[in-house]
Amino acid sequence: SFISTQSRSIQLLLMITFPVYYRNQTLYGSISPSPIRILTKAMASEAGKAPAIPGRRVLMFPLPFQGHLSPMLQLADVLHARGLRVTLFHAAFNAPDPVAGYRFVPVGAGVPAADLVPTGSDADFVGALLRFNERLQGAFQDSLREVLEEEEGARPACLVLDSNLRGMQVVADRLGVPTLVLRTGGAACLVAYMAFPALCDKGLLPLQGTTTTPT
């Protein structure tokens, strides 16, 4: 079935991606293996059987652009089909369509989209990502704290974050929520990112003799 095929594909992505970030703690903080076991157990459960972990909640926060939203929502579908409850945080300016059985929590309703969305042929995508993390970090902390208080002590299994939302992981660490990182890029992109630490250790990055021109 589509769901079982999707589950196997995403489970493979979890197995490949999360250990990479677990080892690279200097960039992404410590990541407990416990939520990995929870998610892989849920996805490994066969259709028609009792939910693997009934009632556990998974929090998710995708980057609000199509190539990032779709993979996160696909992962949410798989986890929800296996009995996990899903709460999806999302940027207010690009809310996904509501889905029955999910909880949607908008973040940063007062932040203008123009401050966060790169536009034009010379768009500064890196700057936009930095602004997104900076401008929504406080709002996300308020929203996450409110969700945790409403759960009355029932801690979520984990928060699944887009790999570009480093600022949100800082918030989760501050509030004691374990995090996992989902890379939505292709395998070649993942391999390139995995090479960065070694290139830095060898002194090849940052490039020597280059300067950054302020924009």
N, C-alpha and C. Protein backbone atom coordinates (compact mmCIF):
# COMPACT_ATOMS: atom_id res chain seq x y z
N SER A 1 0.84 -1.19 0.00
CA SER A 1 0.00 0.00 0.00
C SER A 1 0.88 1.24 0.00
N PHE A 2 0.25 2.40 -0.32
CA PHE A 2 1.02 3.64 -0.36
C PHE A 2 1.58 3.97 1.00
N ILE A 3 0.75 3.79 2.05
CA ILE A 3 1.19 4.12 3.40
C ILE A 3 2.38 3.26 3.81
N SER A 4 2.30 1.93 3.55
CA SER A 4 3.40 1.07 3.98
C SER A 4 4.68 1.39 3.22
N THR A 5 4.56 1.69 1.92
CA THR A 5 5.73 2.08 1.14
C THR A 5 6.31 3.39 1.66
N GLN A 6 5.42 4.33 1.94
CA GLN A 6 5.83 5.63 2.48
C GLN A 6 6.52 5.44 3.83
N SER A 7 5.97 4.54 4.65
CA SER A 7 6.54 4.29 5.96
C SER A 7 7.95 3.74 5.85
N ARG A 8 8.16 2.78 4.95
CA ARG A 8 9.50 2.22 4.79
C ARG A 8 10.50 3.27 4.33
N SER A 9 10.05 4.14 3.41
CA SER A 9 10.95 5.17 2.89
C SER A 9 11.35 6.15 3.98
N ILE A 10 10.38 6.59 4.76
CA ILE A 10 10.66 7.57 5.81
C ILE A 10 11.44 6.93 6.94
N GLN A 11 11.16 5.66 7.23
CA GLN A 11 11.94 4.99 8.28
C GLN A 11 13.40 4.92 7.88
N LEU A 12 13.68 4.65 6.61
CA LEU A 12 15.06 4.63 6.14
C LEU A 12 15.69 6.00 6.30
N LEU A 13 14.93 7.06 5.99
CA LEU A 13 15.44 8.42 6.15
C LEU A 13 15.77 8.71 7.60
N LEU A 14 14.91 8.25 8.53
CA LEU A 14 15.18 8.44 9.95
C LEU A 14 16.46 7.73 10.36
N MET A 15 16.63 6.50 9.88
CA MET A 15 17.81 5.72 10.25
C MET A 15 19.09 6.37 9.74
N ILE A 16 19.02 6.99 8.55
CA ILE A 16 20.21 7.60 7.97
C ILE A 16 20.49 8.96 8.59
N THR A 17 19.44 9.78 8.71
CA THR A 17 19.63 11.19 9.04
C THR A 17 19.86 11.44 10.52
N PHE A 18 19.02 10.87 11.39
CA PHE A 18 19.09 11.23 12.80
C PHE A 18 20.41 10.86 13.46
N PRO A 19 21.01 9.69 13.17
CA PRO A 19 22.33 9.42 13.77
C PRO A 19 23.38 10.44 13.37
N VAL A 20 23.27 11.01 12.17
CA VAL A 20 24.22 12.03 11.73
C VAL A 20 24.16 13.23 12.66
N TYR A 21 22.95 13.68 12.96
CA TYR A 21 22.81 14.85 13.82
C TYR A 21 23.08 14.50 15.28
N TYR A 22 22.82 13.26 15.66
CA TYR A 22 23.12 12.85 17.02
C TYR A 22 24.62 12.91 17.28
N ARG A 23 25.41 12.50 16.28
CA ARG A 23 26.87 12.55 16.45
C ARG A 23 27.39 13.97 16.39
N ASN A 24 26.76 14.81 15.59
CA ASN A 24 27.26 16.16 15.38
C ASN A 24 26.63 17.11 16.40
N GLN A 25 26.89 16.86 17.68
CA GLN A 25 26.23 17.60 18.74
C GLN A 25 26.69 19.06 18.81
N THR A 26 27.86 19.36 18.28
CA THR A 26 28.34 20.74 18.35
C THR A 26 27.47 21.67 17.52
N LEU A 27 26.83 21.15 16.48
CA LEU A 27 25.97 21.99 15.64
C LEU A 27 24.52 21.94 16.07
N TYR A 28 24.05 20.79 16.52
CA TYR A 28 22.62 20.62 16.71
C TYR A 28 22.22 20.20 18.12
N GLY A 29 23.15 20.21 19.06
CA GLY A 29 22.78 19.87 20.41
C GLY A 29 22.62 18.37 20.59
N SER A 30 22.44 17.93 21.84
CA SER A 30 22.30 16.50 22.09
C SER A 30 20.89 16.05 21.73
N ILE A 31 20.79 14.85 21.14
CA ILE A 31 19.52 14.31 20.72
C ILE A 31 19.37 12.94 21.35
N SER A 32 18.35 12.77 22.17
CA SER A 32 18.14 11.50 22.84
C SER A 32 17.70 10.43 21.85
N PRO A 33 18.25 9.20 21.94
CA PRO A 33 17.80 8.15 21.04
C PRO A 33 16.41 7.65 21.36
N SER A 34 15.85 7.99 22.53
CA SER A 34 14.52 7.51 22.91
C SER A 34 13.44 7.88 21.90
N PRO A 35 13.33 9.15 21.46
CA PRO A 35 12.30 9.46 20.47
C PRO A 35 12.50 8.74 19.15
N ILE A 36 13.74 8.41 18.79
CA ILE A 36 13.97 7.65 17.57
C ILE A 36 13.33 6.27 17.70
N ARG A 37 13.48 5.64 18.87
CA ARG A 37 12.86 4.33 19.07
C ARG A 37 11.35 4.44 19.01
N ILE A 38 10.80 5.51 19.56
CA ILE A 38 9.35 5.68 19.54
C ILE A 38 8.83 5.79 18.12
N LEU A 39 9.49 6.61 17.30
CA LEU A 39 9.01 6.82 15.94
C LEU A 39 9.21 5.58 15.08
N THR A 40 10.37 4.94 15.18
CA THR A 40 10.61 3.77 14.35
C THR A 40 9.71 2.61 14.76
N LYS A 41 9.40 2.49 16.03
CA LYS A 41 8.48 1.46 16.48
C LYS A 41 7.09 1.72 15.93
N ALA A 42 6.68 2.98 15.94
CA ALA A 42 5.36 3.33 15.41
C ALA A 42 5.27 3.02 13.93
N MET A 43 6.31 3.38 13.17
CA MET A 43 6.27 3.18 11.73
C MET A 43 6.43 1.72 11.35
N ALA A 44 7.03 0.91 12.22
CA ALA A 44 7.22 -0.49 11.91
C ALA A 44 5.98 -1.33 12.19
N SER A 45 5.01 -0.78 12.94
CA SER A 45 3.80 -1.54 13.24
C SER A 45 3.02 -1.79 11.96
N GLU A 46 2.45 -2.96 11.85
CA GLU A 46 1.76 -3.35 10.63
C GLU A 46 0.34 -2.81 10.63
N ALA A 47 -0.17 -2.50 9.44
CA ALA A 47 -1.53 -2.01 9.29
C ALA A 47 -2.50 -3.06 9.82
N GLY A 48 -3.53 -2.59 10.53
CA GLY A 48 -4.55 -3.49 11.04
C GLY A 48 -4.31 -3.93 12.46
N LYS A 49 -3.12 -3.72 12.98
CA LYS A 49 -2.83 -4.08 14.36
C LYS A 49 -3.07 -2.88 15.27
N ALA A 50 -3.03 -3.13 16.56
CA ALA A 50 -3.21 -2.04 17.52
C ALA A 50 -2.10 -1.02 17.36
N PRO A 51 -2.37 0.26 17.63
CA PRO A 51 -1.33 1.28 17.52
C PRO A 51 -0.11 0.90 18.35
N ALA A 52 1.06 1.21 17.81
CA ALA A 52 2.30 0.84 18.50
C ALA A 52 2.42 1.54 19.84
N ILE A 53 2.10 2.82 19.88
CA ILE A 53 2.23 3.60 21.11
C ILE A 53 1.00 4.49 21.22
N PRO A 54 -0.13 3.95 21.62
CA PRO A 54 -1.37 4.72 21.60
C PRO A 54 -1.31 5.92 22.52
N GLY A 55 -1.78 7.04 22.01
CA GLY A 55 -1.91 8.23 22.83
C GLY A 55 -0.70 9.12 22.92
N ARG A 56 0.50 8.64 22.53
CA ARG A 56 1.67 9.50 22.59
C ARG A 56 1.54 10.60 21.55
N ARG A 57 2.03 11.78 21.91
CA ARG A 57 1.93 12.92 21.01
C ARG A 57 3.30 13.27 20.44
N VAL A 58 3.31 13.57 19.15
CA VAL A 58 4.51 14.05 18.48
C VAL A 58 4.26 15.49 18.02
N LEU A 59 5.19 16.37 18.34
CA LEU A 59 5.13 17.76 17.89
C LEU A 59 5.98 17.90 16.63
N MET A 60 5.54 18.75 15.72
CA MET A 60 6.27 18.92 14.46
C MET A 60 6.28 20.40 14.09
N PHE A 61 7.39 20.83 13.48
CA PHE A 61 7.48 22.23 13.03
C PHE A 61 8.26 22.24 11.71
N PRO A 62 7.54 22.34 10.58
CA PRO A 62 8.21 22.40 9.28
C PRO A 62 8.59 23.82 8.91
N LEU A 63 9.55 23.96 8.02
CA LEU A 63 9.80 25.24 7.39
C LEU A 63 8.64 25.50 6.43
N PRO A 64 8.08 26.72 6.39
CA PRO A 64 6.82 26.94 5.68
C PRO A 64 6.94 27.14 4.17
N PHE A 65 7.69 26.28 3.51
CA PHE A 65 7.82 26.34 2.06
C PHE A 65 7.57 24.94 1.50
N GLN A 66 7.05 24.87 0.28
CA GLN A 66 6.47 23.64 -0.24
C GLN A 66 7.41 22.44 -0.15
N GLY A 67 8.66 22.62 -0.54
CA GLY A 67 9.59 21.49 -0.52
C GLY A 67 9.93 21.01 0.87
N HIS A 68 9.56 21.79 1.88
CA HIS A 68 9.80 21.41 3.27
C HIS A 68 8.51 20.97 3.96
N LEU A 69 7.40 21.63 3.62
CA LEU A 69 6.11 21.27 4.21
C LEU A 69 5.69 19.86 3.83
N SER A 70 5.77 19.53 2.55
CA SER A 70 5.23 18.25 2.07
C SER A 70 5.89 17.04 2.74
N PRO A 71 7.23 16.96 2.82
CA PRO A 71 7.83 15.80 3.50
C PRO A 71 7.44 15.71 4.98
N MET A 72 7.35 16.85 5.65
CA MET A 72 6.97 16.82 7.06
C MET A 72 5.53 16.34 7.22
N LEU A 73 4.63 16.78 6.34
CA LEU A 73 3.24 16.34 6.41
C LEU A 73 3.12 14.86 6.06
N GLN A 74 3.95 14.37 5.16
CA GLN A 74 3.95 12.95 4.84
C GLN A 74 4.38 12.12 6.05
N LEU A 75 5.40 12.60 6.74
CA LEU A 75 5.82 11.93 7.97
C LEU A 75 4.70 11.97 9.01
N ALA A 76 4.02 13.11 9.12
CA ALA A 76 2.90 13.23 10.06
C ALA A 76 1.81 12.22 9.73
N ASP A 77 1.50 12.03 8.45
CA ASP A 77 0.48 11.06 8.05
C ASP A 77 0.85 9.65 8.49
N VAL A 78 2.11 9.29 8.31
CA VAL A 78 2.56 7.95 8.69
C VAL A 78 2.44 7.75 10.20
N LEU A 79 2.90 8.72 10.96
CA LEU A 79 2.86 8.60 12.42
C LEU A 79 1.43 8.57 12.93
N HIS A 80 0.58 9.42 12.36
CA HIS A 80 -0.83 9.45 12.78
C HIS A 80 -1.51 8.13 12.46
N ALA A 81 -1.21 7.54 11.31
CA ALA A 81 -1.80 6.26 10.93
C ALA A 81 -1.37 5.14 11.87
N ARG A 82 -0.26 5.33 12.57
CA ARG A 82 0.25 4.31 13.49
C ARG A 82 -0.18 4.58 14.93
N GLY A 83 -1.06 5.55 15.14
CA GLY A 83 -1.62 5.76 16.47
C GLY A 83 -1.05 6.90 17.26
N LEU A 84 -0.09 7.64 16.72
CA LEU A 84 0.47 8.79 17.42
C LEU A 84 -0.37 10.03 17.14
N ARG A 85 -0.57 10.84 18.14
CA ARG A 85 -1.26 12.12 17.96
C ARG A 85 -0.25 13.15 17.47
N VAL A 86 -0.71 14.03 16.61
CA VAL A 86 0.19 14.99 15.96
C VAL A 86 -0.25 16.42 16.25
N THR A 87 0.68 17.22 16.74
CA THR A 87 0.49 18.67 16.85
C THR A 87 1.48 19.33 15.91
N LEU A 88 0.97 20.13 14.99
CA LEU A 88 1.81 20.75 13.97
C LEU A 88 1.88 22.25 14.20
N PHE A 89 3.06 22.73 14.57
CA PHE A 89 3.30 24.17 14.62
C PHE A 89 3.59 24.65 13.20
N HIS A 90 3.13 25.84 12.88
CA HIS A 90 3.36 26.35 11.52
C HIS A 90 3.42 27.87 11.54
N ALA A 91 4.19 28.43 10.62
CA ALA A 91 4.24 29.88 10.47
C ALA A 91 2.86 30.38 10.05
N ALA A 92 2.41 31.44 10.67
CA ALA A 92 1.05 31.92 10.43
C ALA A 92 0.83 32.36 9.00
N PHE A 93 1.88 32.83 8.32
CA PHE A 93 1.68 33.39 6.98
C PHE A 93 1.52 32.32 5.90
N ASN A 94 1.80 31.06 6.21
CA ASN A 94 1.66 30.00 5.21
C ASN A 94 1.14 28.74 5.89
N ALA A 95 -0.11 28.80 6.33
CA ALA A 95 -0.69 27.70 7.08
C ALA A 95 -1.09 26.55 6.15
N PRO A 96 -0.80 25.31 6.53
CA PRO A 96 -1.27 24.17 5.73
C PRO A 96 -2.77 24.00 5.88
N ASP A 97 -3.38 23.31 4.93
CA ASP A 97 -4.81 23.04 5.02
C ASP A 97 -5.10 22.19 6.25
N PRO A 98 -6.16 22.52 7.00
CA PRO A 98 -6.49 21.74 8.20
C PRO A 98 -6.85 20.31 7.86
N VAL A 99 -6.45 19.40 8.72
CA VAL A 99 -6.72 17.97 8.55
C VAL A 99 -7.35 17.45 9.83
N ALA A 100 -8.41 16.67 9.68
CA ALA A 100 -9.09 16.12 10.85
C ALA A 100 -8.15 15.23 11.64
N GLY A 101 -8.19 15.38 12.96
CA GLY A 101 -7.37 14.55 13.83
C GLY A 101 -6.01 15.14 14.17
N TYR A 102 -5.66 16.25 13.52
CA TYR A 102 -4.41 16.94 13.81
C TYR A 102 -4.71 18.23 14.57
N ARG A 103 -3.76 18.64 15.36
CA ARG A 103 -3.87 19.96 15.98
C ARG A 103 -2.88 20.89 15.30
N PHE A 104 -3.36 22.06 14.87
CA PHE A 104 -2.52 23.04 14.20
C PHE A 104 -2.35 24.26 15.10
N VAL A 105 -1.10 24.67 15.30
CA VAL A 105 -0.79 25.80 16.18
C VAL A 105 -0.02 26.85 15.38
N PRO A 106 -0.65 28.00 15.08
CA PRO A 106 0.06 29.05 14.34
C PRO A 106 1.11 29.73 15.21
N VAL A 107 2.20 30.13 14.59
CA VAL A 107 3.31 30.79 15.29
C VAL A 107 3.64 32.08 14.56
N GLY A 108 3.76 33.18 15.31
CA GLY A 108 4.19 34.45 14.72
C GLY A 108 3.14 35.15 13.90
N ALA A 109 1.90 35.19 14.41
CA ALA A 109 0.82 35.82 13.65
C ALA A 109 1.08 37.30 13.39
N GLY A 110 1.84 37.95 14.25
CA GLY A 110 2.08 39.37 14.09
C GLY A 110 3.31 39.73 13.27
N VAL A 111 4.02 38.72 12.77
CA VAL A 111 5.24 38.98 12.00
C VAL A 111 4.89 39.06 10.52
N PRO A 112 5.20 40.18 9.85
CA PRO A 112 4.88 40.32 8.42
C PRO A 112 5.60 39.27 7.58
N ALA A 113 4.88 38.69 6.64
CA ALA A 113 5.48 37.67 5.77
C ALA A 113 6.64 38.25 4.97
N ALA A 114 6.57 39.54 4.64
CA ALA A 114 7.63 40.17 3.85
C ALA A 114 8.97 40.13 4.56
N ASP A 115 8.96 40.03 5.89
CA ASP A 115 10.20 39.96 6.65
C ASP A 115 10.85 38.58 6.59
N LEU A 116 10.08 37.57 6.18
CA LEU A 116 10.54 36.19 6.30
C LEU A 116 10.69 35.47 4.97
N VAL A 117 10.04 35.97 3.92
CA VAL A 117 10.01 35.26 2.65
C VAL A 117 10.98 35.91 1.66
N PRO A 118 11.97 35.17 1.17
CA PRO A 118 12.89 35.73 0.17
C PRO A 118 12.18 35.89 -1.17
N THR A 119 12.38 37.01 -1.83
CA THR A 119 11.74 37.26 -3.12
C THR A 119 12.76 37.83 -4.11
N GLY A 120 12.45 37.70 -5.40
CA GLY A 120 13.30 38.27 -6.43
C GLY A 120 14.40 37.33 -6.87
N SER A 121 15.01 37.65 -8.01
CA SER A 121 16.06 36.80 -8.57
C SER A 121 17.33 36.81 -7.74
N ASP A 122 17.54 37.87 -6.96
CA ASP A 122 18.73 37.96 -6.10
C ASP A 122 18.36 37.79 -4.63
N ALA A 123 17.35 36.97 -4.37
CA ALA A 123 16.84 36.79 -3.01
C ALA A 123 17.93 36.23 -2.08
N ASP A 124 17.94 36.74 -0.87
CA ASP A 124 18.90 36.30 0.14
C ASP A 124 18.25 35.19 0.97
N PHE A 125 18.40 33.95 0.53
CA PHE A 125 17.75 32.83 1.20
C PHE A 125 18.36 32.57 2.58
N VAL A 126 19.67 32.69 2.68
CA VAL A 126 20.32 32.46 3.97
C VAL A 126 19.86 33.51 4.98
N GLY A 127 19.81 34.76 4.54
CA GLY A 127 19.34 35.82 5.42
C GLY A 127 17.90 35.60 5.85
N ALA A 128 17.07 35.11 4.93
CA ALA A 128 15.67 34.84 5.26
C ALA A 128 15.55 33.75 6.31
N LEU A 129 16.37 32.71 6.20
CA LEU A 129 16.34 31.64 7.20
C LEU A 129 16.77 32.15 8.57
N LEU A 130 17.80 32.99 8.58
CA LEU A 130 18.25 33.55 9.85
C LEU A 130 17.18 34.43 10.47
N ARG A 131 16.51 35.23 9.64
CA ARG A 131 15.43 36.09 10.16
C ARG A 131 14.27 35.25 10.67
N PHE A 132 13.95 34.19 9.95
CA PHE A 132 12.85 33.32 10.36
C PHE A 132 13.11 32.77 11.76
N ASN A 133 14.31 32.25 11.98
CA ASN A 133 14.65 31.72 13.29
C ASN A 133 14.63 32.80 14.36
N GLU A 134 15.14 33.96 14.03
CA GLU A 134 15.22 35.05 15.01
C GLU A 134 13.85 35.62 15.34
N ARG A 135 13.04 35.89 14.31
CA ARG A 135 11.76 36.57 14.52
C ARG A 135 10.70 35.66 15.14
N LEU A 136 10.78 34.36 14.91
CA LEU A 136 9.74 33.45 15.41
C LEU A 136 10.14 32.68 16.66
N GLN A 137 11.37 32.85 17.10
CA GLN A 137 11.83 32.07 18.25
C GLN A 137 11.02 32.37 19.51
N GLY A 138 10.82 33.64 19.81
CA GLY A 138 10.06 34.01 21.00
C GLY A 138 8.61 33.55 20.92
N ALA A 139 7.99 33.73 19.75
CA ALA A 139 6.60 33.31 19.58
C ALA A 139 6.46 31.80 19.70
N PHE A 140 7.44 31.08 19.17
CA PHE A 140 7.39 29.62 19.28
C PHE A 140 7.55 29.18 20.72
N GLN A 141 8.40 29.86 21.48
CA GLN A 141 8.56 29.49 22.88
C GLN A 141 7.25 29.64 23.63
N ASP A 142 6.53 30.73 23.38
CA ASP A 142 5.24 30.94 24.03
C ASP A 142 4.25 29.85 23.63
N SER A 143 4.20 29.52 22.34
CA SER A 143 3.25 28.52 21.86
C SER A 143 3.59 27.13 22.39
N LEU A 144 4.87 26.79 22.40
CA LEU A 144 5.27 25.48 22.89
C LEU A 144 5.00 25.35 24.37
N ARG A 145 5.29 26.38 25.14
CA ARG A 145 5.03 26.32 26.57
C ARG A 145 3.53 26.15 26.84
N GLU A 146 2.70 26.84 26.07
CA GLU A 146 1.25 26.73 26.23
C GLU A 146 0.77 25.31 25.93
N VAL A 147 1.29 24.71 24.86
CA VAL A 147 0.90 23.34 24.52
C VAL A 147 1.33 22.37 25.61
N LEU A 148 2.52 22.54 26.14
CA LEU A 148 3.00 21.65 27.21
C LEU A 148 2.15 21.78 28.46
N GLU A 149 1.75 23.00 28.79
CA GLU A 149 0.91 23.21 29.97
C GLU A 149 -0.47 22.59 29.79
N GLU A 150 -1.00 22.64 28.58
CA GLU A 150 -2.31 22.05 28.31
C GLU A 150 -2.29 20.53 28.41
N GLU A 151 -1.14 19.93 28.18
CA GLU A 151 -1.03 18.47 28.26
C GLU A 151 -0.99 17.98 29.71
N GLU A 152 -0.88 18.88 30.66
CA GLU A 152 -0.94 18.56 32.08
C GLU A 152 0.06 17.47 32.48
N GLY A 153 1.30 17.69 32.11
CA GLY A 153 2.35 16.79 32.55
C GLY A 153 2.64 15.63 31.62
N ALA A 154 1.79 15.39 30.63
CA ALA A 154 2.04 14.30 29.67
C ALA A 154 3.03 14.81 28.62
N ARG A 155 4.28 14.50 28.80
CA ARG A 155 5.31 15.03 27.91
C ARG A 155 5.19 14.41 26.53
N PRO A 156 5.43 15.20 25.48
CA PRO A 156 5.40 14.65 24.12
C PRO A 156 6.56 13.71 23.88
N ALA A 157 6.39 12.82 22.91
CA ALA A 157 7.47 11.90 22.56
C ALA A 157 8.69 12.68 22.08
N CYS A 158 8.45 13.69 21.25
CA CYS A 158 9.55 14.50 20.73
C CYS A 158 8.98 15.63 19.88
N LEU A 159 9.85 16.53 19.50
CA LEU A 159 9.55 17.58 18.53
C LEU A 159 10.38 17.31 17.29
N VAL A 160 9.72 17.11 16.15
CA VAL A 160 10.42 16.90 14.88
C VAL A 160 10.55 18.24 14.18
N LEU A 161 11.76 18.67 13.94
CA LEU A 161 12.03 19.99 13.37
C LEU A 161 12.64 19.88 11.98
N ASP A 162 12.30 20.84 11.13
CA ASP A 162 13.04 20.98 9.89
C ASP A 162 14.49 21.32 10.24
N SER A 163 15.41 20.81 9.45
CA SER A 163 16.83 20.99 9.76
C SER A 163 17.28 22.44 9.73
N ASN A 164 16.48 23.33 9.14
CA ASN A 164 16.84 24.75 9.09
C ASN A 164 16.36 25.53 10.30
N LEU A 165 15.62 24.90 11.20
CA LEU A 165 15.04 25.63 12.33
C LEU A 165 15.87 25.45 13.59
N ARG A 166 17.12 25.85 13.53
CA ARG A 166 18.02 25.74 14.68
C ARG A 166 17.51 26.54 15.86
N GLY A 167 16.94 27.71 15.61
CA GLY A 167 16.45 28.54 16.70
C GLY A 167 15.34 27.87 17.48
N MET A 168 14.52 27.06 16.81
CA MET A 168 13.42 26.38 17.49
C MET A 168 13.95 25.23 18.35
N GLN A 169 15.07 24.64 17.93
CA GLN A 169 15.66 23.59 18.75
C GLN A 169 16.21 24.17 20.05
N VAL A 170 16.74 25.38 19.98
CA VAL A 170 17.21 26.04 21.19
C VAL A 170 16.05 26.19 22.18
N VAL A 171 14.88 26.57 21.67
CA VAL A 171 13.69 26.71 22.51
C VAL A 171 13.31 25.36 23.11
N ALA A 172 13.28 24.32 22.29
CA ALA A 172 12.91 22.99 22.78
C ALA A 172 13.86 22.51 23.86
N ASP A 173 15.16 22.73 23.66
CA ASP A 173 16.14 22.35 24.68
C ASP A 173 15.88 23.10 25.98
N ARG A 174 15.54 24.36 25.85
CA ARG A 174 15.28 25.19 27.03
C ARG A 174 14.09 24.67 27.83
N LEU A 175 13.08 24.13 27.13
CA LEU A 175 11.87 23.65 27.78
C LEU A 175 11.89 22.15 28.04
N GLY A 176 13.02 21.51 27.74
CA GLY A 176 13.16 20.10 28.06
C GLY A 176 12.44 19.15 27.13
N VAL A 177 12.23 19.55 25.87
CA VAL A 177 11.54 18.70 24.90
C VAL A 177 12.59 18.05 23.99
N PRO A 178 12.65 16.72 23.92
CA PRO A 178 13.62 16.07 23.03
C PRO A 178 13.30 16.38 21.57
N THR A 179 14.32 16.51 20.76
CA THR A 179 14.12 16.91 19.37
C THR A 179 14.77 15.92 18.40
N LEU A 180 14.15 15.81 17.24
CA LEU A 180 14.71 15.10 16.10
C LEU A 180 14.71 16.07 14.93
N VAL A 181 15.65 15.87 14.02
CA VAL A 181 15.79 16.76 12.87
C VAL A 181 15.44 16.00 11.60
N LEU A 182 14.57 16.56 10.78
CA LEU A 182 14.22 15.96 9.50
C LEU A 182 14.82 16.78 8.37
N ARG A 183 15.69 16.15 7.60
CA ARG A 183 16.23 16.79 6.41
C ARG A 183 15.30 16.47 5.25
N THR A 184 14.86 17.48 4.56
CA THR A 184 13.91 17.28 3.46
C THR A 184 14.58 17.31 2.10
N GLY A 185 15.89 17.51 2.06
CA GLY A 185 16.61 17.52 0.80
C GLY A 185 16.92 16.12 0.31
N GLY A 186 17.52 16.02 -0.86
CA GLY A 186 17.86 14.74 -1.44
C GLY A 186 19.09 14.12 -0.80
N ALA A 187 19.39 12.89 -1.21
CA ALA A 187 20.51 12.16 -0.63
C ALA A 187 21.84 12.85 -0.91
N ALA A 188 21.99 13.43 -2.11
CA ALA A 188 23.24 14.12 -2.45
C ALA A 188 23.47 15.32 -1.54
N CYS A 189 22.38 16.03 -1.23
CA CYS A 189 22.48 17.17 -0.32
C CYS A 189 22.90 16.71 1.06
N LEU A 190 22.35 15.60 1.52
CA LEU A 190 22.70 15.06 2.83
C LEU A 190 24.18 14.69 2.89
N VAL A 191 24.68 14.06 1.84
CA VAL A 191 26.10 13.68 1.79
C VAL A 191 26.99 14.92 1.87
N ALA A 192 26.58 15.98 1.17
CA ALA A 192 27.36 17.22 1.21
C ALA A 192 27.41 17.79 2.63
N TYR A 193 26.27 17.80 3.32
CA TYR A 193 26.24 18.31 4.69
C TYR A 193 27.09 17.44 5.61
N MET A 194 27.07 16.14 5.39
CA MET A 194 27.87 15.24 6.23
C MET A 194 29.36 15.51 6.07
N ALA A 195 29.76 16.07 4.92
CA ALA A 195 31.18 16.33 4.67
C ALA A 195 31.66 17.62 5.33
N PHE A 196 30.76 18.51 5.71
CA PHE A 196 31.16 19.81 6.25
C PHE A 196 32.09 19.71 7.46
N PRO A 197 31.77 18.89 8.49
CA PRO A 197 32.67 18.84 9.65
C PRO A 197 34.09 18.44 9.28
N ALA A 198 34.24 17.44 8.39
CA ALA A 198 35.58 17.00 7.99
C ALA A 198 36.31 18.09 7.23
N LEU A 199 35.60 18.82 6.37
CA LEU A 199 36.22 19.91 5.62
C LEU A 199 36.68 21.03 6.55
N CYS A 200 35.88 21.30 7.58
CA CYS A 200 36.27 22.32 8.56
C CYS A 200 37.48 21.86 9.37
N ASP A 201 37.49 20.58 9.76
CA ASP A 201 38.62 20.04 10.53
C ASP A 201 39.92 20.12 9.74
N LYS A 202 39.83 19.96 8.43
CA LYS A 202 41.01 20.01 7.57
C LYS A 202 41.41 21.43 7.18
N GLY A 203 40.63 22.41 7.61
CA GLY A 203 40.93 23.79 7.29
C GLY A 203 40.54 24.22 5.89
N LEU A 204 39.76 23.40 5.21
CA LEU A 204 39.33 23.74 3.85
C LEU A 204 38.12 24.67 3.84
N LEU A 205 37.39 24.69 4.95
CA LEU A 205 36.27 25.60 5.13
C LEU A 205 36.44 26.31 6.47
N PRO A 206 36.14 27.60 6.54
CA PRO A 206 35.78 28.47 5.40
C PRO A 206 36.96 28.68 4.45
N LEU A 207 36.65 29.05 3.21
CA LEU A 207 37.68 29.23 2.20
C LEU A 207 38.66 30.31 2.63
N GLN A 208 39.94 30.03 2.48
CA GLN A 208 40.97 30.97 2.89
C GLN A 208 41.11 32.10 1.86
N GLY A 209 41.34 33.31 2.37
CA GLY A 209 41.56 34.44 1.48
C GLY A 209 40.32 35.01 0.85
N THR A 210 39.14 34.62 1.37
CA THR A 210 37.89 35.17 0.84
C THR A 210 37.31 36.15 1.84
N THR A 211 36.56 37.07 1.35
CA THR A 211 35.90 38.06 2.19
C THR A 211 34.43 38.05 1.89
N THR A 212 33.66 38.43 2.89
CA THR A 212 32.21 38.52 2.74
C THR A 212 31.81 39.97 2.59
N THR A 213 31.13 40.30 1.51
CA THR A 213 30.69 41.66 1.28
C THR A 213 29.34 41.88 1.92
N PRO A 214 29.21 42.85 2.84
CA PRO A 214 27.91 43.10 3.48
C PRO A 214 26.88 43.49 2.43
N THR A 215 25.62 43.05 2.69
CA THR A 215 24.52 43.39 1.79
C THR A 215 23.53 44.29 2.50
